[in-house]
N, C-alpha and C. Protein backbone atom coordinates (compact mmCIF):
# COMPACT_ATOMS: atom_id res chain seq x y z
N UNK A 1 -125.97 -67.70 153.94
CA UNK A 1 -126.66 -66.78 153.04
C UNK A 1 -127.33 -65.71 153.89
N UNK A 2 -127.28 -64.48 153.41
CA UNK A 2 -127.94 -63.38 154.09
C UNK A 2 -129.45 -63.62 154.04
N UNK A 3 -130.11 -63.31 155.14
CA UNK A 3 -131.54 -63.52 155.19
C UNK A 3 -132.26 -62.62 154.18
N UNK A 4 -131.62 -61.50 153.79
CA UNK A 4 -132.28 -60.58 152.87
C UNK A 4 -132.19 -61.06 151.41
N UNK A 5 -131.21 -61.90 151.10
CA UNK A 5 -131.04 -62.37 149.72
C UNK A 5 -132.21 -63.25 149.29
N UNK A 6 -132.68 -63.01 148.08
CA UNK A 6 -133.72 -63.82 147.51
C UNK A 6 -135.12 -63.44 147.90
N UNK A 7 -135.27 -62.36 148.63
CA UNK A 7 -136.61 -61.95 149.09
C UNK A 7 -137.26 -60.90 148.19
N UNK A 8 -136.53 -60.44 147.16
CA UNK A 8 -137.08 -59.50 146.21
C UNK A 8 -136.94 -60.09 144.82
N UNK A 9 -137.91 -59.83 143.96
CA UNK A 9 -137.87 -60.36 142.63
C UNK A 9 -136.63 -59.90 141.87
N UNK A 10 -136.15 -58.70 142.18
CA UNK A 10 -134.96 -58.19 141.49
C UNK A 10 -133.68 -58.92 141.89
N UNK A 11 -133.70 -59.73 142.94
CA UNK A 11 -132.54 -60.53 143.34
C UNK A 11 -132.31 -61.72 142.44
N UNK A 12 -133.31 -62.08 141.65
CA UNK A 12 -133.32 -63.35 140.91
C UNK A 12 -132.91 -63.18 139.46
N UNK A 13 -132.22 -64.20 138.93
CA UNK A 13 -131.92 -64.30 137.49
C UNK A 13 -132.78 -65.42 136.92
N UNK A 14 -133.54 -65.10 135.91
CA UNK A 14 -134.45 -66.09 135.29
C UNK A 14 -134.00 -66.35 133.85
N UNK A 15 -133.95 -67.60 133.50
CA UNK A 15 -133.69 -68.00 132.13
C UNK A 15 -134.92 -68.73 131.62
N UNK A 16 -135.66 -68.05 130.76
CA UNK A 16 -136.93 -68.58 130.25
C UNK A 16 -136.68 -69.27 128.93
N UNK A 17 -137.10 -70.52 128.87
CA UNK A 17 -136.94 -71.32 127.63
C UNK A 17 -138.30 -71.68 127.07
N UNK A 18 -139.24 -70.75 127.15
CA UNK A 18 -140.58 -70.98 126.61
C UNK A 18 -141.44 -71.87 127.44
N UNK A 19 -141.83 -71.39 128.59
CA UNK A 19 -142.74 -72.16 129.49
C UNK A 19 -142.01 -72.97 130.53
N UNK A 20 -140.70 -73.00 130.45
CA UNK A 20 -139.88 -73.63 131.48
C UNK A 20 -138.52 -72.97 131.45
N UNK A 21 -137.70 -73.26 132.46
CA UNK A 21 -136.38 -72.64 132.50
C UNK A 21 -135.77 -72.80 133.85
N UNK A 22 -134.83 -71.88 134.14
CA UNK A 22 -134.13 -71.91 135.44
C UNK A 22 -134.26 -70.57 136.15
N UNK A 23 -134.08 -70.63 137.46
CA UNK A 23 -134.12 -69.45 138.29
C UNK A 23 -133.01 -69.61 139.34
N UNK A 24 -132.27 -68.49 139.60
CA UNK A 24 -131.22 -68.60 140.61
C UNK A 24 -130.99 -67.26 141.29
N UNK A 25 -130.52 -67.36 142.53
CA UNK A 25 -130.15 -66.20 143.32
C UNK A 25 -129.16 -66.69 144.38
N UNK A 26 -127.95 -66.19 144.35
CA UNK A 26 -126.92 -66.64 145.31
C UNK A 26 -126.85 -68.15 145.32
N UNK A 27 -127.10 -68.82 146.46
CA UNK A 27 -126.98 -70.26 146.48
C UNK A 27 -128.30 -71.00 146.21
N UNK A 28 -129.39 -70.26 146.00
CA UNK A 28 -130.65 -70.92 145.61
C UNK A 28 -130.70 -71.12 144.10
N UNK A 29 -131.03 -72.33 143.68
CA UNK A 29 -131.16 -72.64 142.25
C UNK A 29 -132.34 -73.54 142.06
N UNK A 30 -133.04 -73.38 140.98
CA UNK A 30 -134.16 -74.26 140.67
C UNK A 30 -134.54 -74.24 139.21
N UNK A 31 -135.38 -75.19 138.86
CA UNK A 31 -135.95 -75.29 137.55
C UNK A 31 -137.44 -74.99 137.68
N UNK A 32 -138.00 -74.34 136.68
CA UNK A 32 -139.44 -74.04 136.74
C UNK A 32 -140.12 -74.50 135.50
N UNK A 33 -141.44 -74.68 135.65
CA UNK A 33 -142.29 -75.05 134.53
C UNK A 33 -143.62 -74.30 134.77
N UNK A 34 -144.18 -73.75 133.73
CA UNK A 34 -145.48 -73.09 133.80
C UNK A 34 -146.53 -74.04 133.30
N UNK A 35 -147.47 -74.38 134.18
CA UNK A 35 -148.54 -75.29 133.80
C UNK A 35 -149.53 -74.61 132.85
N UNK A 36 -150.37 -75.39 132.20
CA UNK A 36 -151.36 -74.84 131.27
C UNK A 36 -152.30 -73.82 131.93
N UNK A 37 -152.56 -74.03 133.25
CA UNK A 37 -153.44 -73.10 133.95
C UNK A 37 -152.70 -71.81 134.41
N UNK A 38 -151.39 -71.71 134.08
CA UNK A 38 -150.63 -70.52 134.42
C UNK A 38 -149.87 -70.61 135.73
N UNK A 39 -150.05 -71.68 136.48
CA UNK A 39 -149.38 -71.83 137.76
C UNK A 39 -147.90 -72.17 137.52
N UNK A 40 -147.04 -71.48 138.25
CA UNK A 40 -145.60 -71.71 138.12
C UNK A 40 -145.15 -72.70 139.20
N UNK A 41 -144.51 -73.76 138.77
CA UNK A 41 -144.01 -74.80 139.68
C UNK A 41 -142.48 -74.73 139.67
N UNK A 42 -141.89 -74.52 140.86
CA UNK A 42 -140.44 -74.50 141.00
C UNK A 42 -139.97 -75.78 141.64
N UNK A 43 -138.98 -76.41 141.06
CA UNK A 43 -138.34 -77.58 141.65
C UNK A 43 -136.95 -77.13 142.08
N UNK A 44 -136.74 -77.03 143.38
CA UNK A 44 -135.49 -76.52 143.90
C UNK A 44 -134.38 -77.55 143.81
N UNK A 45 -133.18 -77.09 143.49
CA UNK A 45 -131.98 -77.91 143.47
C UNK A 45 -131.30 -77.74 144.84
N UNK A 46 -130.58 -78.70 145.27
CA UNK A 46 -129.81 -78.61 146.52
C UNK A 46 -130.69 -78.31 147.73
N UNK A 47 -131.92 -78.77 147.76
CA UNK A 47 -132.78 -78.60 148.93
C UNK A 47 -133.63 -77.37 148.95
N UNK A 48 -133.24 -76.31 148.33
CA UNK A 48 -134.04 -75.09 148.28
C UNK A 48 -133.97 -74.29 149.58
N UNK A 49 -134.88 -73.32 149.74
CA UNK A 49 -134.88 -72.45 150.91
C UNK A 49 -135.20 -73.24 152.18
N UNK A 50 -134.63 -72.79 153.27
CA UNK A 50 -134.90 -73.41 154.57
C UNK A 50 -136.28 -73.03 155.08
N UNK A 51 -136.86 -73.85 155.95
CA UNK A 51 -138.14 -73.46 156.56
C UNK A 51 -138.00 -72.12 157.25
N UNK A 52 -139.00 -71.32 157.13
CA UNK A 52 -138.98 -69.97 157.68
C UNK A 52 -138.58 -68.95 156.61
N UNK A 53 -137.75 -69.36 155.65
CA UNK A 53 -137.37 -68.48 154.55
C UNK A 53 -138.13 -68.91 153.27
N UNK A 54 -138.74 -70.09 153.29
CA UNK A 54 -139.29 -70.64 152.07
C UNK A 54 -140.39 -69.78 151.47
N UNK A 55 -141.31 -69.26 152.27
CA UNK A 55 -142.41 -68.47 151.70
C UNK A 55 -141.95 -67.19 151.01
N UNK A 56 -141.15 -66.33 151.67
CA UNK A 56 -140.72 -65.10 150.98
C UNK A 56 -139.79 -65.37 149.80
N UNK A 57 -138.97 -66.39 149.88
CA UNK A 57 -138.08 -66.73 148.78
C UNK A 57 -138.89 -67.28 147.59
N UNK A 58 -139.83 -68.18 147.85
CA UNK A 58 -140.69 -68.72 146.80
C UNK A 58 -141.47 -67.60 146.11
N UNK A 59 -142.03 -66.70 146.92
CA UNK A 59 -142.84 -65.61 146.40
C UNK A 59 -142.00 -64.71 145.47
N UNK A 60 -140.81 -64.33 145.92
CA UNK A 60 -139.94 -63.49 145.13
C UNK A 60 -139.52 -64.18 143.83
N UNK A 61 -139.17 -65.47 143.92
CA UNK A 61 -138.76 -66.22 142.74
C UNK A 61 -139.93 -66.30 141.75
N UNK A 62 -141.13 -66.57 142.23
CA UNK A 62 -142.27 -66.67 141.34
C UNK A 62 -142.62 -65.31 140.72
N UNK A 63 -142.44 -64.21 141.44
CA UNK A 63 -142.65 -62.89 140.88
C UNK A 63 -141.65 -62.62 139.75
N UNK A 64 -140.38 -63.01 139.98
CA UNK A 64 -139.33 -62.80 138.95
C UNK A 64 -139.65 -63.64 137.71
N UNK A 65 -140.07 -64.88 137.91
CA UNK A 65 -140.42 -65.75 136.76
C UNK A 65 -141.63 -65.17 136.02
N UNK A 66 -142.63 -64.72 136.77
CA UNK A 66 -143.82 -64.14 136.16
C UNK A 66 -143.46 -62.93 135.30
N UNK A 67 -142.55 -62.09 135.78
CA UNK A 67 -142.14 -60.91 135.02
C UNK A 67 -141.38 -61.31 133.76
N UNK A 68 -140.62 -62.40 133.84
CA UNK A 68 -139.86 -62.85 132.69
C UNK A 68 -140.73 -63.52 131.62
N UNK A 69 -141.75 -64.23 132.03
CA UNK A 69 -142.57 -64.96 131.06
C UNK A 69 -143.77 -64.14 130.59
N UNK A 70 -144.11 -63.09 131.32
CA UNK A 70 -145.24 -62.24 130.95
C UNK A 70 -144.77 -60.78 130.92
N UNK A 71 -143.91 -60.43 129.94
CA UNK A 71 -143.40 -59.06 129.92
C UNK A 71 -144.50 -58.03 129.77
N UNK A 72 -144.22 -56.85 130.29
CA UNK A 72 -145.18 -55.75 130.21
C UNK A 72 -145.34 -55.32 128.76
N UNK A 73 -146.54 -54.85 128.45
CA UNK A 73 -146.82 -54.42 127.06
C UNK A 73 -146.16 -53.10 126.74
């Protein structure tokens, strides 16, 4: 996987099913759930991002999920 893939929110596809759903980008795939306090929890499939890539990939995925579940007015 290219190191640049998954580092921007626009790289991600989010399927929101009302407080939970899926998120994917290239070979990264996961399920997410939004807790009552608004925190987004991602459970990665197939191991998820490698160490060193995990922080920027997680951040971008969470930004994409946030945009999908909290659309602009």
